Amino acid sequence: MLVAVLTAGYAQAQFHAGMKLGLNSATMYGDHVPVLFDDAKIEGRIGFLGGLVGELELGRHFAVQPGVLFAQQGYMSVAKDGDNEREADYLLNYLHVPLNMLAKLNIGKRGNIFFQIGPYAGYALSGKVKLEAREDGKTVETQKGSVYFKGHDGDTMKRFDYGIGTGLGFQAGGVQFDMELRWGLQSLSNTAGIDMKNGAFAINLSYFLGK
């Protein structure tokens, strides 16, 4: 009897490898996020998301999806005064490792909608900042620099990040579409009194082989 139960469970636990592509609308939240300019506002920036994912099916209604992804995050700070505008664009390139748990509601023979939730870990690969001033819609000044991480002289940010994500999606065979929100739980600043955490809304398309 026990052998039969274990054999049935093993048969239902199937793993499929795949790829994921998506777009991040990233931002920073927290107290005293650096904005560089007086009266500037924090705005989101659009970035690319992509990499490898897998799905371990645990029966018809549950699954686990790990991944190794490249994700562009960061934020923008924008100050406007009439037709004059100053903008700081922070681009942060991360290696993301999410681990999402899925609960599925089957629709038809091969389709389902699902809710997902799970932690992620992130490692900052590089960072850049671009400062731009515009007058009457024309760029009059541009400056570019790097974001330095802990261990570098003049460092401003921590490399490691972690947080939690949640979202909704739809699967049909090997194709998956999902929307997710991610909240960073790690304050990234190395400066006392500055609290800044990653946040993002993502739209993703995945394809799993063999489903």
N, C-alpha and C. Protein backbone atom coordinates (compact mmCIF):
# COMPACT_ATOMS: atom_id res chain seq x y z
N MET A 1 0.83 -1.20 0.00
CA MET A 1 0.00 0.00 0.00
C MET A 1 0.87 1.26 0.00
N LEU A 2 1.88 1.30 0.89
CA LEU A 2 2.77 2.45 0.98
C LEU A 2 3.53 2.64 -0.32
N VAL A 3 3.98 1.53 -0.92
CA VAL A 3 4.71 1.61 -2.20
C VAL A 3 3.83 2.20 -3.28
N ALA A 4 2.56 1.82 -3.29
CA ALA A 4 1.63 2.33 -4.29
C ALA A 4 1.43 3.83 -4.14
N VAL A 5 1.31 4.31 -2.88
CA VAL A 5 1.12 5.73 -2.62
C VAL A 5 2.34 6.52 -3.06
N LEU A 6 3.54 6.00 -2.70
CA LEU A 6 4.78 6.68 -3.09
C LEU A 6 4.96 6.71 -4.59
N THR A 7 4.61 5.62 -5.25
CA THR A 7 4.72 5.56 -6.71
C THR A 7 3.78 6.55 -7.37
N ALA A 8 2.54 6.67 -6.85
CA ALA A 8 1.58 7.63 -7.40
C ALA A 8 2.06 9.05 -7.20
N GLY A 9 2.62 9.36 -6.00
CA GLY A 9 3.13 10.70 -5.74
C GLY A 9 4.28 11.05 -6.64
N TYR A 10 5.18 10.08 -6.88
CA TYR A 10 6.33 10.32 -7.75
C TYR A 10 5.87 10.59 -9.18
N ALA A 11 4.86 9.86 -9.61
CA ALA A 11 4.36 10.02 -10.97
C ALA A 11 3.76 11.41 -11.18
N GLN A 12 3.16 11.98 -10.14
CA GLN A 12 2.54 13.29 -10.26
C GLN A 12 3.54 14.42 -10.14
N ALA A 13 4.70 14.17 -9.51
CA ALA A 13 5.71 15.21 -9.32
C ALA A 13 6.63 15.25 -10.54
N GLN A 14 6.26 16.07 -11.50
CA GLN A 14 7.02 16.18 -12.74
C GLN A 14 7.70 17.54 -12.82
N PHE A 15 8.92 17.55 -13.36
CA PHE A 15 9.68 18.79 -13.49
C PHE A 15 9.81 19.16 -14.95
N HIS A 16 9.58 20.46 -15.24
CA HIS A 16 9.72 20.98 -16.60
C HIS A 16 10.61 22.22 -16.56
N ALA A 17 11.58 22.27 -17.46
CA ALA A 17 12.46 23.44 -17.57
C ALA A 17 11.90 24.39 -18.62
N GLY A 18 12.22 25.67 -18.46
CA GLY A 18 11.70 26.64 -19.42
C GLY A 18 12.46 27.95 -19.38
N MET A 19 11.93 28.92 -20.10
CA MET A 19 12.51 30.26 -20.18
C MET A 19 11.44 31.29 -19.86
N LYS A 20 11.88 32.43 -19.30
CA LYS A 20 10.97 33.51 -18.95
C LYS A 20 11.49 34.83 -19.52
N LEU A 21 10.59 35.63 -20.08
CA LEU A 21 10.89 36.99 -20.54
C LEU A 21 9.83 37.92 -19.97
N GLY A 22 10.25 39.13 -19.62
CA GLY A 22 9.26 40.05 -19.08
C GLY A 22 9.77 41.47 -19.01
N LEU A 23 8.89 42.34 -18.51
CA LEU A 23 9.21 43.74 -18.30
C LEU A 23 8.96 44.11 -16.84
N ASN A 24 9.94 44.81 -16.27
CA ASN A 24 9.84 45.33 -14.91
C ASN A 24 9.45 46.80 -14.94
N SER A 25 8.50 47.20 -14.12
CA SER A 25 8.32 48.60 -13.79
C SER A 25 8.83 48.75 -12.37
N ALA A 26 10.10 49.19 -12.24
CA ALA A 26 10.79 49.16 -10.96
C ALA A 26 10.80 50.52 -10.29
N THR A 27 10.94 50.50 -8.97
CA THR A 27 11.02 51.74 -8.20
C THR A 27 11.78 51.46 -6.91
N MET A 28 11.94 52.49 -6.10
CA MET A 28 12.47 52.36 -4.75
C MET A 28 11.45 52.95 -3.78
N TYR A 29 11.34 52.35 -2.59
CA TYR A 29 10.46 52.90 -1.58
C TYR A 29 11.19 52.88 -0.24
N GLY A 30 10.72 53.67 0.69
CA GLY A 30 11.34 53.78 2.00
C GLY A 30 11.51 55.23 2.40
N ASP A 31 12.08 55.45 3.56
CA ASP A 31 12.31 56.81 4.07
C ASP A 31 13.60 57.37 3.50
N HIS A 32 13.52 58.59 2.97
CA HIS A 32 14.71 59.33 2.52
C HIS A 32 15.43 58.64 1.37
N VAL A 33 14.69 58.14 0.38
CA VAL A 33 15.33 57.63 -0.83
C VAL A 33 16.03 58.79 -1.54
N PRO A 34 17.32 58.67 -1.89
CA PRO A 34 18.03 59.79 -2.52
C PRO A 34 17.38 60.22 -3.83
N VAL A 35 17.18 61.52 -3.99
CA VAL A 35 16.58 62.05 -5.22
C VAL A 35 17.48 63.06 -5.92
N LEU A 36 18.57 63.48 -5.29
CA LEU A 36 19.58 64.39 -5.86
C LEU A 36 19.09 65.83 -6.04
N PHE A 37 17.85 66.02 -6.45
CA PHE A 37 17.34 67.36 -6.72
C PHE A 37 16.28 67.74 -5.68
N ASP A 38 16.22 69.01 -5.34
CA ASP A 38 15.17 69.49 -4.45
C ASP A 38 13.81 69.34 -5.13
N ASP A 39 12.81 68.96 -4.33
CA ASP A 39 11.43 68.83 -4.82
C ASP A 39 11.27 67.76 -5.90
N ALA A 40 12.22 66.86 -6.01
CA ALA A 40 12.09 65.79 -7.01
C ALA A 40 11.14 64.70 -6.50
N LYS A 41 10.53 64.01 -7.43
CA LYS A 41 9.61 62.91 -7.11
C LYS A 41 10.18 61.60 -7.63
N ILE A 42 9.91 60.53 -6.87
CA ILE A 42 10.33 59.20 -7.28
C ILE A 42 9.36 58.68 -8.34
N GLU A 43 9.91 58.20 -9.45
CA GLU A 43 9.10 57.60 -10.51
C GLU A 43 9.68 56.24 -10.88
N GLY A 44 8.85 55.39 -11.46
CA GLY A 44 9.31 54.07 -11.88
C GLY A 44 10.10 54.13 -13.18
N ARG A 45 10.88 53.10 -13.40
CA ARG A 45 11.62 52.96 -14.66
C ARG A 45 11.34 51.57 -15.22
N ILE A 46 11.28 51.48 -16.55
CA ILE A 46 10.99 50.22 -17.22
C ILE A 46 12.30 49.50 -17.52
N GLY A 47 12.36 48.22 -17.23
CA GLY A 47 13.55 47.43 -17.48
C GLY A 47 13.20 46.03 -17.95
N PHE A 48 14.22 45.29 -18.36
CA PHE A 48 14.08 43.95 -18.92
C PHE A 48 14.24 42.90 -17.83
N LEU A 49 13.55 41.79 -18.03
CA LEU A 49 13.64 40.64 -17.13
C LEU A 49 13.71 39.38 -17.98
N GLY A 50 14.62 38.48 -17.69
CA GLY A 50 14.69 37.26 -18.47
C GLY A 50 15.64 36.25 -17.89
N GLY A 51 15.40 34.96 -18.22
CA GLY A 51 16.29 33.92 -17.75
C GLY A 51 15.63 32.56 -17.77
N LEU A 52 16.15 31.67 -16.93
CA LEU A 52 15.70 30.28 -16.87
C LEU A 52 14.76 30.07 -15.70
N VAL A 53 13.72 29.26 -15.93
CA VAL A 53 12.78 28.89 -14.87
C VAL A 53 12.49 27.40 -14.95
N GLY A 54 11.94 26.88 -13.91
CA GLY A 54 11.50 25.49 -13.89
C GLY A 54 10.19 25.38 -13.15
N GLU A 55 9.49 24.28 -13.37
CA GLU A 55 8.27 24.02 -12.61
C GLU A 55 8.25 22.58 -12.14
N LEU A 56 8.13 22.40 -10.84
CA LEU A 56 7.95 21.08 -10.24
C LEU A 56 6.47 20.94 -9.91
N GLU A 57 5.78 20.12 -10.68
CA GLU A 57 4.34 19.91 -10.47
C GLU A 57 4.11 18.96 -9.30
N LEU A 58 3.28 19.38 -8.37
CA LEU A 58 2.93 18.57 -7.21
C LEU A 58 1.44 18.25 -7.28
N GLY A 59 1.09 17.38 -8.20
CA GLY A 59 -0.31 17.09 -8.44
C GLY A 59 -0.93 18.11 -9.39
N ARG A 60 -2.26 18.14 -9.44
CA ARG A 60 -2.96 19.01 -10.39
C ARG A 60 -3.07 20.45 -9.89
N HIS A 61 -2.98 20.67 -8.58
CA HIS A 61 -3.33 21.98 -8.04
C HIS A 61 -2.17 22.75 -7.40
N PHE A 62 -1.01 22.16 -7.33
CA PHE A 62 0.11 22.85 -6.68
C PHE A 62 1.39 22.64 -7.48
N ALA A 63 2.29 23.62 -7.40
CA ALA A 63 3.58 23.54 -8.09
C ALA A 63 4.56 24.49 -7.42
N VAL A 64 5.84 24.23 -7.68
CA VAL A 64 6.91 25.10 -7.22
C VAL A 64 7.71 25.54 -8.45
N GLN A 65 7.98 26.84 -8.55
CA GLN A 65 8.73 27.36 -9.69
C GLN A 65 9.98 28.11 -9.22
N PRO A 66 11.16 27.49 -9.33
CA PRO A 66 12.41 28.22 -9.08
C PRO A 66 12.86 28.91 -10.37
N GLY A 67 13.80 29.83 -10.23
CA GLY A 67 14.30 30.53 -11.41
C GLY A 67 15.66 31.16 -11.16
N VAL A 68 16.36 31.45 -12.24
CA VAL A 68 17.60 32.24 -12.22
C VAL A 68 17.45 33.28 -13.32
N LEU A 69 17.29 34.56 -12.92
CA LEU A 69 16.89 35.59 -13.86
C LEU A 69 17.83 36.80 -13.80
N PHE A 70 17.98 37.46 -14.94
CA PHE A 70 18.60 38.77 -15.01
C PHE A 70 17.48 39.80 -14.97
N ALA A 71 17.58 40.77 -14.05
CA ALA A 71 16.50 41.75 -13.88
C ALA A 71 17.07 43.15 -13.78
N GLN A 72 16.54 44.06 -14.61
CA GLN A 72 16.91 45.47 -14.54
C GLN A 72 15.94 46.18 -13.60
N GLN A 73 16.48 46.78 -12.55
CA GLN A 73 15.66 47.50 -11.58
C GLN A 73 16.20 48.92 -11.42
N GLY A 74 15.83 49.59 -10.32
CA GLY A 74 16.25 50.95 -10.10
C GLY A 74 15.07 51.88 -9.94
N TYR A 75 15.29 53.15 -10.23
CA TYR A 75 14.22 54.14 -10.12
C TYR A 75 14.67 55.42 -10.80
N MET A 76 13.74 56.36 -10.90
CA MET A 76 14.03 57.67 -11.47
C MET A 76 13.57 58.74 -10.49
N SER A 77 14.36 59.82 -10.39
CA SER A 77 13.91 60.99 -9.63
C SER A 77 13.82 62.16 -10.60
N VAL A 78 12.67 62.81 -10.61
CA VAL A 78 12.39 63.85 -11.61
C VAL A 78 11.92 65.12 -10.90
N ALA A 79 12.54 66.24 -11.25
CA ALA A 79 12.14 67.55 -10.73
C ALA A 79 11.75 68.44 -11.90
N LYS A 80 10.55 69.04 -11.82
CA LYS A 80 10.04 69.88 -12.90
C LYS A 80 9.79 71.30 -12.41
N ASP A 81 10.13 72.26 -13.25
CA ASP A 81 9.88 73.67 -12.97
C ASP A 81 9.45 74.32 -14.29
N GLY A 82 8.15 74.32 -14.53
CA GLY A 82 7.64 74.81 -15.81
C GLY A 82 8.09 73.90 -16.93
N ASP A 83 8.77 74.48 -17.94
CA ASP A 83 9.27 73.70 -19.07
C ASP A 83 10.66 73.14 -18.81
N ASN A 84 11.21 73.39 -17.63
CA ASN A 84 12.53 72.88 -17.29
C ASN A 84 12.39 71.60 -16.45
N GLU A 85 13.28 70.66 -16.72
CA GLU A 85 13.18 69.37 -16.06
C GLU A 85 14.58 68.82 -15.79
N ARG A 86 14.76 68.26 -14.59
CA ARG A 86 15.99 67.57 -14.24
C ARG A 86 15.65 66.15 -13.82
N GLU A 87 16.43 65.21 -14.32
CA GLU A 87 16.10 63.80 -14.16
C GLU A 87 17.34 62.99 -13.80
N ALA A 88 17.20 62.13 -12.81
CA ALA A 88 18.26 61.17 -12.44
C ALA A 88 17.71 59.76 -12.65
N ASP A 89 18.37 59.00 -13.50
CA ASP A 89 17.93 57.65 -13.85
C ASP A 89 18.91 56.65 -13.26
N TYR A 90 18.46 55.90 -12.25
CA TYR A 90 19.29 54.87 -11.61
C TYR A 90 18.95 53.51 -12.21
N LEU A 91 19.93 52.87 -12.85
CA LEU A 91 19.75 51.54 -13.41
C LEU A 91 20.57 50.55 -12.59
N LEU A 92 19.90 49.54 -12.03
CA LEU A 92 20.55 48.51 -11.23
C LEU A 92 20.31 47.15 -11.88
N ASN A 93 21.38 46.47 -12.23
CA ASN A 93 21.29 45.15 -12.88
C ASN A 93 21.47 44.06 -11.83
N TYR A 94 20.47 43.19 -11.70
CA TYR A 94 20.47 42.17 -10.65
C TYR A 94 20.43 40.75 -11.23
N LEU A 95 21.04 39.84 -10.51
CA LEU A 95 20.79 38.42 -10.67
C LEU A 95 19.74 38.04 -9.63
N HIS A 96 18.58 37.60 -10.10
CA HIS A 96 17.47 37.26 -9.20
C HIS A 96 17.29 35.75 -9.14
N VAL A 97 17.04 35.25 -7.94
CA VAL A 97 16.74 33.83 -7.74
C VAL A 97 15.42 33.73 -6.98
N PRO A 98 14.29 33.63 -7.69
CA PRO A 98 12.99 33.50 -7.02
C PRO A 98 12.63 32.04 -6.77
N LEU A 99 11.75 31.82 -5.81
CA LEU A 99 11.21 30.49 -5.54
C LEU A 99 9.72 30.68 -5.23
N ASN A 100 8.90 30.49 -6.26
CA ASN A 100 7.46 30.75 -6.13
C ASN A 100 6.69 29.46 -5.91
N MET A 101 5.71 29.53 -5.01
CA MET A 101 4.77 28.43 -4.79
C MET A 101 3.45 28.78 -5.47
N LEU A 102 2.90 27.86 -6.25
CA LEU A 102 1.69 28.11 -7.03
C LEU A 102 0.53 27.26 -6.53
N ALA A 103 -0.65 27.87 -6.47
CA ALA A 103 -1.90 27.17 -6.21
C ALA A 103 -2.77 27.37 -7.45
N LYS A 104 -3.21 26.27 -8.08
CA LYS A 104 -3.86 26.33 -9.38
C LYS A 104 -5.34 25.96 -9.30
N LEU A 105 -6.11 26.60 -10.17
CA LEU A 105 -7.51 26.25 -10.37
C LEU A 105 -7.65 25.84 -11.84
N ASN A 106 -7.91 24.55 -12.06
CA ASN A 106 -7.94 24.03 -13.43
C ASN A 106 -9.14 24.54 -14.21
N ILE A 107 -8.88 24.89 -15.48
CA ILE A 107 -9.91 25.32 -16.42
C ILE A 107 -9.77 24.46 -17.67
N GLY A 108 -10.70 23.58 -17.89
CA GLY A 108 -10.58 22.69 -19.03
C GLY A 108 -9.52 21.62 -18.79
N LYS A 109 -9.04 20.99 -19.88
CA LYS A 109 -8.11 19.88 -19.75
C LYS A 109 -6.67 20.32 -19.55
N ARG A 110 -6.25 21.45 -20.16
CA ARG A 110 -4.84 21.82 -20.10
C ARG A 110 -4.60 23.23 -19.55
N GLY A 111 -5.64 23.95 -19.23
CA GLY A 111 -5.47 25.32 -18.77
C GLY A 111 -5.77 25.49 -17.29
N ASN A 112 -5.17 26.52 -16.69
CA ASN A 112 -5.47 26.84 -15.30
C ASN A 112 -5.10 28.28 -15.01
N ILE A 113 -5.76 28.84 -14.02
CA ILE A 113 -5.35 30.12 -13.47
C ILE A 113 -4.68 29.81 -12.14
N PHE A 114 -3.76 30.69 -11.70
CA PHE A 114 -3.03 30.37 -10.48
C PHE A 114 -2.70 31.63 -9.70
N PHE A 115 -2.49 31.42 -8.41
CA PHE A 115 -1.97 32.42 -7.50
C PHE A 115 -0.57 31.98 -7.09
N GLN A 116 0.39 32.91 -7.05
CA GLN A 116 1.74 32.55 -6.68
C GLN A 116 2.27 33.47 -5.58
N ILE A 117 3.13 32.92 -4.76
CA ILE A 117 3.78 33.70 -3.70
C ILE A 117 5.09 33.01 -3.36
N GLY A 118 6.10 33.80 -3.02
CA GLY A 118 7.37 33.19 -2.66
C GLY A 118 8.48 34.20 -2.46
N PRO A 119 9.58 33.77 -1.85
CA PRO A 119 10.70 34.66 -1.60
C PRO A 119 11.61 34.77 -2.82
N TYR A 120 12.47 35.78 -2.79
CA TYR A 120 13.52 35.88 -3.81
C TYR A 120 14.79 36.40 -3.14
N ALA A 121 15.92 36.09 -3.75
CA ALA A 121 17.21 36.65 -3.37
C ALA A 121 17.79 37.35 -4.59
N GLY A 122 18.49 38.46 -4.37
CA GLY A 122 19.07 39.21 -5.48
C GLY A 122 20.51 39.59 -5.20
N TYR A 123 21.30 39.66 -6.29
CA TYR A 123 22.69 40.09 -6.19
C TYR A 123 22.94 41.13 -7.27
N ALA A 124 23.35 42.32 -6.87
CA ALA A 124 23.57 43.41 -7.82
C ALA A 124 24.85 43.17 -8.61
N LEU A 125 24.72 43.09 -9.93
CA LEU A 125 25.87 42.89 -10.80
C LEU A 125 26.56 44.20 -11.15
N SER A 126 25.77 45.24 -11.37
CA SER A 126 26.32 46.54 -11.74
C SER A 126 25.23 47.60 -11.55
N GLY A 127 25.65 48.86 -11.59
CA GLY A 127 24.70 49.96 -11.47
C GLY A 127 25.23 51.21 -12.13
N LYS A 128 24.32 51.97 -12.73
CA LYS A 128 24.68 53.22 -13.40
C LYS A 128 23.67 54.29 -13.05
N VAL A 129 24.11 55.54 -13.10
CA VAL A 129 23.21 56.67 -12.91
C VAL A 129 23.45 57.67 -14.03
N LYS A 130 22.37 58.18 -14.58
CA LYS A 130 22.45 59.17 -15.65
C LYS A 130 21.67 60.41 -15.23
N LEU A 131 22.34 61.55 -15.22
CA LEU A 131 21.72 62.82 -14.88
C LEU A 131 21.50 63.63 -16.15
N GLU A 132 20.31 64.18 -16.28
CA GLU A 132 19.98 64.92 -17.51
C GLU A 132 19.15 66.15 -17.16
N ALA A 133 19.51 67.29 -17.78
CA ALA A 133 18.76 68.53 -17.61
C ALA A 133 18.18 68.93 -18.96
N ARG A 134 16.88 69.30 -18.96
CA ARG A 134 16.21 69.70 -20.19
C ARG A 134 15.55 71.07 -20.00
N GLU A 135 15.63 71.88 -21.01
CA GLU A 135 14.97 73.18 -21.04
C GLU A 135 14.14 73.28 -22.31
N ASP A 136 12.85 73.57 -22.13
CA ASP A 136 11.92 73.66 -23.26
C ASP A 136 11.96 72.39 -24.11
N GLY A 137 12.10 71.23 -23.43
CA GLY A 137 12.08 69.95 -24.13
C GLY A 137 13.39 69.54 -24.77
N LYS A 138 14.43 70.38 -24.66
CA LYS A 138 15.72 70.07 -25.26
C LYS A 138 16.75 69.77 -24.16
N THR A 139 17.55 68.72 -24.39
CA THR A 139 18.58 68.35 -23.43
C THR A 139 19.73 69.35 -23.48
N VAL A 140 20.06 69.93 -22.32
CA VAL A 140 21.13 70.93 -22.26
C VAL A 140 22.34 70.42 -21.48
N GLU A 141 22.18 69.35 -20.72
CA GLU A 141 23.31 68.81 -19.95
C GLU A 141 23.06 67.34 -19.64
N THR A 142 24.11 66.52 -19.77
CA THR A 142 24.04 65.09 -19.45
C THR A 142 25.31 64.68 -18.71
N GLN A 143 25.13 63.94 -17.62
CA GLN A 143 26.26 63.39 -16.88
C GLN A 143 25.97 61.91 -16.60
N LYS A 144 27.03 61.10 -16.65
CA LYS A 144 26.88 59.67 -16.39
C LYS A 144 27.89 59.23 -15.32
N GLY A 145 27.47 58.28 -14.50
CA GLY A 145 28.34 57.77 -13.47
C GLY A 145 27.95 56.34 -13.11
N SER A 146 28.67 55.78 -12.14
CA SER A 146 28.42 54.42 -11.68
C SER A 146 27.88 54.41 -10.26
N VAL A 147 27.10 53.40 -9.97
CA VAL A 147 26.65 53.15 -8.60
C VAL A 147 27.65 52.19 -7.97
N TYR A 148 28.23 52.57 -6.86
CA TYR A 148 29.24 51.74 -6.21
C TYR A 148 28.61 50.95 -5.06
N PHE A 149 29.06 49.71 -4.96
CA PHE A 149 28.50 48.80 -3.97
C PHE A 149 29.50 48.55 -2.85
N LYS A 150 29.02 47.92 -1.78
CA LYS A 150 29.84 47.69 -0.60
C LYS A 150 31.12 46.95 -0.97
N GLY A 151 32.24 47.45 -0.42
CA GLY A 151 33.53 46.89 -0.75
C GLY A 151 34.33 47.76 -1.69
N HIS A 152 33.67 48.77 -2.28
CA HIS A 152 34.32 49.71 -3.18
C HIS A 152 34.44 51.06 -2.49
N ASP A 153 35.56 51.77 -2.73
CA ASP A 153 35.71 53.10 -2.15
C ASP A 153 34.57 53.99 -2.63
N GLY A 154 33.91 54.67 -1.70
CA GLY A 154 32.79 55.52 -2.06
C GLY A 154 31.50 54.75 -2.26
N ASP A 155 31.45 53.51 -1.71
CA ASP A 155 30.25 52.69 -1.91
C ASP A 155 29.02 53.38 -1.33
N THR A 156 27.89 53.16 -1.98
CA THR A 156 26.64 53.75 -1.54
C THR A 156 25.55 52.71 -1.30
N MET A 157 25.69 51.50 -1.85
CA MET A 157 24.62 50.51 -1.77
C MET A 157 25.15 49.13 -1.45
N LYS A 158 24.28 48.31 -0.88
CA LYS A 158 24.58 46.91 -0.63
C LYS A 158 24.29 46.09 -1.89
N ARG A 159 25.09 45.06 -2.10
CA ARG A 159 24.88 44.21 -3.28
C ARG A 159 23.72 43.24 -3.09
N PHE A 160 23.58 42.69 -1.88
CA PHE A 160 22.59 41.64 -1.67
C PHE A 160 21.22 42.22 -1.34
N ASP A 161 20.22 41.60 -1.92
CA ASP A 161 18.83 42.01 -1.72
C ASP A 161 18.00 40.75 -1.49
N TYR A 162 16.92 40.90 -0.78
CA TYR A 162 15.96 39.79 -0.63
C TYR A 162 14.58 40.39 -0.39
N GLY A 163 13.56 39.59 -0.70
CA GLY A 163 12.20 40.08 -0.53
C GLY A 163 11.19 39.01 -0.83
N ILE A 164 9.99 39.44 -1.14
CA ILE A 164 8.90 38.51 -1.40
C ILE A 164 8.10 39.00 -2.60
N GLY A 165 7.58 38.06 -3.36
CA GLY A 165 6.77 38.40 -4.52
C GLY A 165 5.45 37.66 -4.48
N THR A 166 4.45 38.24 -5.11
CA THR A 166 3.14 37.61 -5.21
C THR A 166 2.49 38.01 -6.52
N GLY A 167 1.63 37.15 -7.05
CA GLY A 167 1.04 37.49 -8.34
C GLY A 167 -0.03 36.51 -8.77
N LEU A 168 -0.58 36.78 -9.95
CA LEU A 168 -1.61 35.96 -10.58
C LEU A 168 -1.18 35.63 -11.99
N GLY A 169 -1.65 34.48 -12.49
CA GLY A 169 -1.26 34.11 -13.85
C GLY A 169 -2.20 33.10 -14.47
N PHE A 170 -1.85 32.74 -15.70
CA PHE A 170 -2.64 31.79 -16.49
C PHE A 170 -1.69 30.87 -17.22
N GLN A 171 -1.99 29.57 -17.22
CA GLN A 171 -1.22 28.57 -17.95
C GLN A 171 -2.11 27.86 -18.95
N ALA A 172 -1.54 27.59 -20.12
CA ALA A 172 -2.21 26.76 -21.13
C ALA A 172 -1.13 25.91 -21.77
N GLY A 173 -1.08 24.64 -21.39
CA GLY A 173 0.00 23.79 -21.86
C GLY A 173 1.32 24.28 -21.30
N GLY A 174 2.30 24.50 -22.19
CA GLY A 174 3.60 24.97 -21.75
C GLY A 174 3.74 26.47 -21.68
N VAL A 175 2.69 27.20 -22.04
CA VAL A 175 2.75 28.67 -22.06
C VAL A 175 2.18 29.23 -20.76
N GLN A 176 2.88 30.19 -20.19
CA GLN A 176 2.44 30.82 -18.94
C GLN A 176 2.55 32.33 -19.06
N PHE A 177 1.50 33.02 -18.63
CA PHE A 177 1.49 34.48 -18.53
C PHE A 177 1.20 34.84 -17.08
N ASP A 178 1.99 35.77 -16.52
CA ASP A 178 1.72 36.15 -15.14
C ASP A 178 2.07 37.61 -14.90
N MET A 179 1.45 38.17 -13.89
CA MET A 179 1.73 39.51 -13.39
C MET A 179 2.10 39.39 -11.93
N GLU A 180 3.17 40.07 -11.51
CA GLU A 180 3.61 39.93 -10.12
C GLU A 180 4.08 41.25 -9.54
N LEU A 181 3.94 41.35 -8.23
CA LEU A 181 4.49 42.45 -7.45
C LEU A 181 5.60 41.91 -6.57
N ARG A 182 6.71 42.67 -6.49
CA ARG A 182 7.82 42.27 -5.62
C ARG A 182 8.13 43.40 -4.64
N TRP A 183 8.32 43.04 -3.39
CA TRP A 183 8.69 44.00 -2.35
C TRP A 183 10.03 43.59 -1.76
N GLY A 184 11.02 44.46 -1.83
CA GLY A 184 12.28 44.20 -1.17
C GLY A 184 12.16 44.39 0.32
N LEU A 185 12.81 43.54 1.09
CA LEU A 185 12.80 43.62 2.55
C LEU A 185 14.13 44.08 3.11
N GLN A 186 15.12 44.22 2.24
CA GLN A 186 16.46 44.62 2.65
C GLN A 186 16.67 46.10 2.35
N SER A 187 17.06 46.88 3.37
CA SER A 187 17.44 48.26 3.13
C SER A 187 18.80 48.26 2.44
N LEU A 188 18.89 48.88 1.28
CA LEU A 188 20.07 48.76 0.43
C LEU A 188 21.13 49.81 0.69
N SER A 189 20.79 50.85 1.42
CA SER A 189 21.74 51.93 1.62
C SER A 189 22.78 51.59 2.69
N ASN A 190 24.02 52.01 2.45
CA ASN A 190 25.07 51.90 3.45
C ASN A 190 25.19 53.15 4.31
N THR A 191 24.33 54.13 4.04
CA THR A 191 24.37 55.40 4.77
C THR A 191 23.33 55.40 5.88
N ALA A 192 23.75 55.73 7.08
CA ALA A 192 22.83 55.75 8.21
C ALA A 192 21.71 56.76 7.98
N GLY A 193 20.49 56.37 8.31
CA GLY A 193 19.34 57.25 8.17
C GLY A 193 18.65 57.20 6.82
N ILE A 194 19.21 56.46 5.87
CA ILE A 194 18.58 56.33 4.55
C ILE A 194 18.05 54.91 4.40
N ASP A 195 16.75 54.81 4.18
CA ASP A 195 16.08 53.52 4.02
C ASP A 195 15.56 53.44 2.59
N MET A 196 16.11 52.54 1.80
CA MET A 196 15.67 52.41 0.41
C MET A 196 15.60 50.93 0.04
N LYS A 197 14.44 50.53 -0.46
CA LYS A 197 14.20 49.13 -0.79
C LYS A 197 13.68 49.03 -2.21
N ASN A 198 14.03 47.93 -2.87
CA ASN A 198 13.55 47.67 -4.22
C ASN A 198 12.07 47.32 -4.22
N GLY A 199 11.39 47.76 -5.27
CA GLY A 199 10.01 47.36 -5.51
C GLY A 199 9.80 47.26 -7.01
N ALA A 200 8.92 46.37 -7.44
CA ALA A 200 8.71 46.21 -8.89
C ALA A 200 7.36 45.57 -9.17
N PHE A 201 6.80 45.96 -10.31
CA PHE A 201 5.66 45.27 -10.91
C PHE A 201 6.14 44.70 -12.22
N ALA A 202 5.90 43.41 -12.45
CA ALA A 202 6.42 42.75 -13.65
C ALA A 202 5.30 42.04 -14.40
N ILE A 203 5.43 42.03 -15.72
CA ILE A 203 4.57 41.26 -16.62
C ILE A 203 5.47 40.27 -17.34
N ASN A 204 5.17 38.98 -17.23
CA ASN A 204 6.09 37.94 -17.72
C ASN A 204 5.39 36.94 -18.64
N LEU A 205 6.18 36.41 -19.56
CA LEU A 205 5.73 35.32 -20.43
C LEU A 205 6.76 34.21 -20.35
N SER A 206 6.31 32.99 -20.02
CA SER A 206 7.21 31.85 -19.87
C SER A 206 6.77 30.72 -20.79
N TYR A 207 7.77 29.88 -21.12
CA TYR A 207 7.46 28.66 -21.89
C TYR A 207 8.20 27.49 -21.27
N PHE A 208 7.47 26.43 -20.94
CA PHE A 208 8.03 25.24 -20.33
C PHE A 208 8.06 24.09 -21.34
N LEU A 209 9.20 23.44 -21.46
CA LEU A 209 9.36 22.33 -22.40
C LEU A 209 8.65 21.10 -21.89
N GLY A 210 8.00 20.39 -22.79
CA GLY A 210 7.43 19.08 -22.47
C GLY A 210 6.10 19.10 -21.77
N LYS A 211 5.47 20.28 -21.61
CA LYS A 211 4.16 20.33 -20.93
C LYS A 211 3.03 20.15 -21.94
